[in-house]
C-alpha atoms as a PDB file:
ATOM      1  CA  MET A   1      82.997  24.584  24.103  1.00  0.00           C
ATOM      2  CA  ARG A   2      81.964  23.222  20.709  1.00  0.00           C
ATOM      3  CA  ASP A   3      84.410  22.167  18.005  1.00  0.00           C
ATOM      4  CA  LEU A   4      85.133  24.984  15.532  1.00  0.00           C
ATOM      5  CA  SER A   5      87.728  23.344  13.330  1.00  0.00           C
ATOM      6  CA  CYS A   6      88.133  23.750   9.581  1.00  0.00           C
ATOM      7  CA  LYS A   7      84.952  21.847   8.788  1.00  0.00           C
ATOM      8  CA  ASN A   8      83.025  24.593  10.573  1.00  0.00           C
ATOM      9  CA  GLY A   9      84.636  27.430   8.632  1.00  0.00           C
ATOM     10  CA  LEU A  10      87.192  28.829  11.080  1.00  0.00           C
ATOM     11  CA  GLY A  11      90.255  27.406   9.394  1.00  0.00           C
ATOM     12  CA  SER A  12      92.620  24.701  10.435  1.00  0.00           C
ATOM     13  CA  GLY A  13      94.365  24.852  13.765  1.00  0.00           C
ATOM     14  CA  TYR A  14      91.584  26.419  15.837  1.00  0.00           C
ATOM     15  CA  SER A  15      89.674  24.143  18.149  1.00  0.00           C
ATOM     16  CA  THR A  16      87.590  26.753  19.983  1.00  0.00           C
ATOM     17  CA  LEU A  17      85.964  30.065  19.214  1.00  0.00           C
ATOM     18  CA  ASP A  18      88.128  31.762  21.863  1.00  0.00           C
ATOM     19  CA  GLU A  19      91.271  30.438  20.174  1.00  0.00           C
ATOM     20  CA  TRP A  20      90.109  31.701  16.777  1.00  0.00           C
ATOM     21  CA  ILE A  21      89.249  35.145  18.165  1.00  0.00           C
ATOM     22  CA  SER A  22      92.619  35.434  19.946  1.00  0.00           C
ATOM     23  CA  ALA A  23      94.487  34.585  16.759  1.00  0.00           C
ATOM     24  CA  GLU A  24      92.442  36.700  14.344  1.00  0.00           C
ATOM     25  CA  GLU A  25      91.496  39.789  16.351  1.00  0.00           C
ATOM     26  CA  ILE A  26      92.440  43.218  15.019  1.00  0.00           C
ATOM     27  CA  PRO A  27      92.877  45.625  17.939  1.00  0.00           C
ATOM     28  CA  PHE A  28      92.102  49.336  17.560  1.00  0.00           C
ATOM     29  CA  ALA A  29      91.265  52.402  19.638  1.00  0.00           C
ATOM     30  CA  ILE A  30      87.760  53.786  19.053  1.00  0.00           C
ATOM     31  CA  GLU A  31      89.051  57.274  19.953  1.00  0.00           C
ATOM     32  CA  SER A  32      91.562  57.246  17.082  1.00  0.00           C
ATOM     33  CA  PRO A  33      90.092  57.563  13.572  1.00  0.00           C
ATOM     34  CA  MET A  34      93.491  56.632  12.101  1.00  0.00           C
ATOM     35  CA  ALA A  35      93.722  53.419  14.161  1.00  0.00           C
ATOM     36  CA  LEU A  36      90.128  52.510  13.339  1.00  0.00           C
ATOM     37  CA  ASN A  37      90.665  53.131   9.609  1.00  0.00           C
ATOM     38  CA  HIS A  38      93.744  50.917   9.729  1.00  0.00           C
ATOM     39  CA  ALA A  39      91.768  48.147  11.458  1.00  0.00           C
ATOM     40  CA  ILE A  40      88.977  48.401   8.877  1.00  0.00           C
ATOM     41  CA  ASP A  41      91.494  48.243   6.029  1.00  0.00           C
ATOM     42  CA  GLU A  42      93.189  45.221   7.615  1.00  0.00           C
ATOM     43  CA  ALA A  43      89.873  43.405   8.086  1.00  0.00           C
ATOM     44  CA  LEU A  44      88.839  44.068   4.492  1.00  0.00           C
ATOM     45  CA  ALA A  45      92.226  42.863   3.240  1.00  0.00           C
ATOM     46  CA  LYS A  46      91.746  39.610   5.164  1.00  0.00           C
ATOM     47  CA  ILE A  47      88.355  38.904   3.636  1.00  0.00           C
ATOM     48  CA  GLY A  48      89.274  40.183   0.199  1.00  0.00           C
ATOM     49  CA  GLY A  49      86.593  40.411  -2.458  1.00  0.00           C
ATOM     50  CA  LEU A  50      84.497  37.669  -0.928  1.00  0.00           C
ATOM     51  CA  VAL A  51      81.956  39.963   0.714  1.00  0.00           C
ATOM     52  CA  ARG A  52      78.936  41.170  -1.211  1.00  0.00           C
ATOM     53  CA  LEU A  53      76.828  42.179   1.779  1.00  0.00           C
ATOM     54  CA  LEU A  54      77.929  43.563   5.133  1.00  0.00           C
ATOM     55  CA  GLY A  55      75.623  43.749   8.109  1.00  0.00           C
ATOM     56  CA  LEU A  56      76.483  45.144  11.499  1.00  0.00           C
ATOM     57  CA  GLY A  57      74.331  44.128  14.437  1.00  0.00           C
ATOM     58  CA  GLU A  58      74.095  45.918  17.744  1.00  0.00           C
ATOM     59  CA  ALA A  59      75.029  43.705  20.669  1.00  0.00           C
ATOM     60  CA  LEU A  60      74.278  46.295  23.347  1.00  0.00           C
ATOM     61  CA  HIS A  61      71.443  48.687  22.624  1.00  0.00           C
ATOM     62  CA  GLY A  62      72.116  52.208  23.762  1.00  0.00           C
ATOM     63  CA  SER A  63      75.921  51.994  23.745  1.00  0.00           C
ATOM     64  CA  SER A  64      77.421  55.162  22.281  1.00  0.00           C
ATOM     65  CA  TYR A  65      80.605  53.272  21.348  1.00  0.00           C
ATOM     66  CA  LEU A  66      78.765  50.882  19.036  1.00  0.00           C
ATOM     67  CA  LEU A  67      77.003  53.762  17.292  1.00  0.00           C
ATOM     68  CA  LEU A  68      80.319  55.552  16.868  1.00  0.00           C
ATOM     69  CA  LEU A  69      81.956  52.372  15.567  1.00  0.00           C
ATOM     70  CA  SER A  70      79.224  51.644  13.019  1.00  0.00           C
ATOM     71  CA  ASN A  71      79.165  55.260  11.812  1.00  0.00           C
ATOM     72  CA  ARG A  72      82.934  55.309  11.338  1.00  0.00           C
ATOM     73  CA  LEU A  73      82.927  51.872   9.698  1.00  0.00           C
ATOM     74  CA  PHE A  74      80.292  52.749   7.126  1.00  0.00           C
ATOM     75  CA  SER A  75      81.810  56.190   6.511  1.00  0.00           C
ATOM     76  CA  ARG A  76      85.149  54.513   5.788  1.00  0.00           C
ATOM     77  CA  LEU A  77      83.554  52.053   3.391  1.00  0.00           C
ATOM     78  CA  VAL A  78      81.563  54.688   1.508  1.00  0.00           C
ATOM     79  CA  GLU A  79      84.115  57.514   1.368  1.00  0.00           C
ATOM     80  CA  ASN A  80      87.400  55.680   0.931  1.00  0.00           C
ATOM     81  CA  MET A  81      86.515  52.387  -0.699  1.00  0.00           C
ATOM     82  CA  ASP A  82      83.726  53.347  -3.077  1.00  0.00           C
ATOM     83  CA  LEU A  83      81.204  51.092  -1.373  1.00  0.00           C
ATOM     84  CA  ALA A  84      77.659  52.266  -0.844  1.00  0.00           C
ATOM     85  CA  PRO A  85      75.397  51.218   2.016  1.00  0.00           C
END
């Protein structure tokens, strides 16, 4: 596994991508709009006002869960945070 320390943008203390993901993940249940909204709010709080553009790729084409996730994510951003797509 390649080195993903601070010089590569993951912050100090993380030596692998798996370690960074384990420490920074925000769990949620796709079936619960409240849990998903909380996860979105938590993620946005972590990144603060640093984001000017948000893109969401599709890792698995045809997955209904990814479509549901992206729809709920962008709905949350537009309706509750005054952000437009």
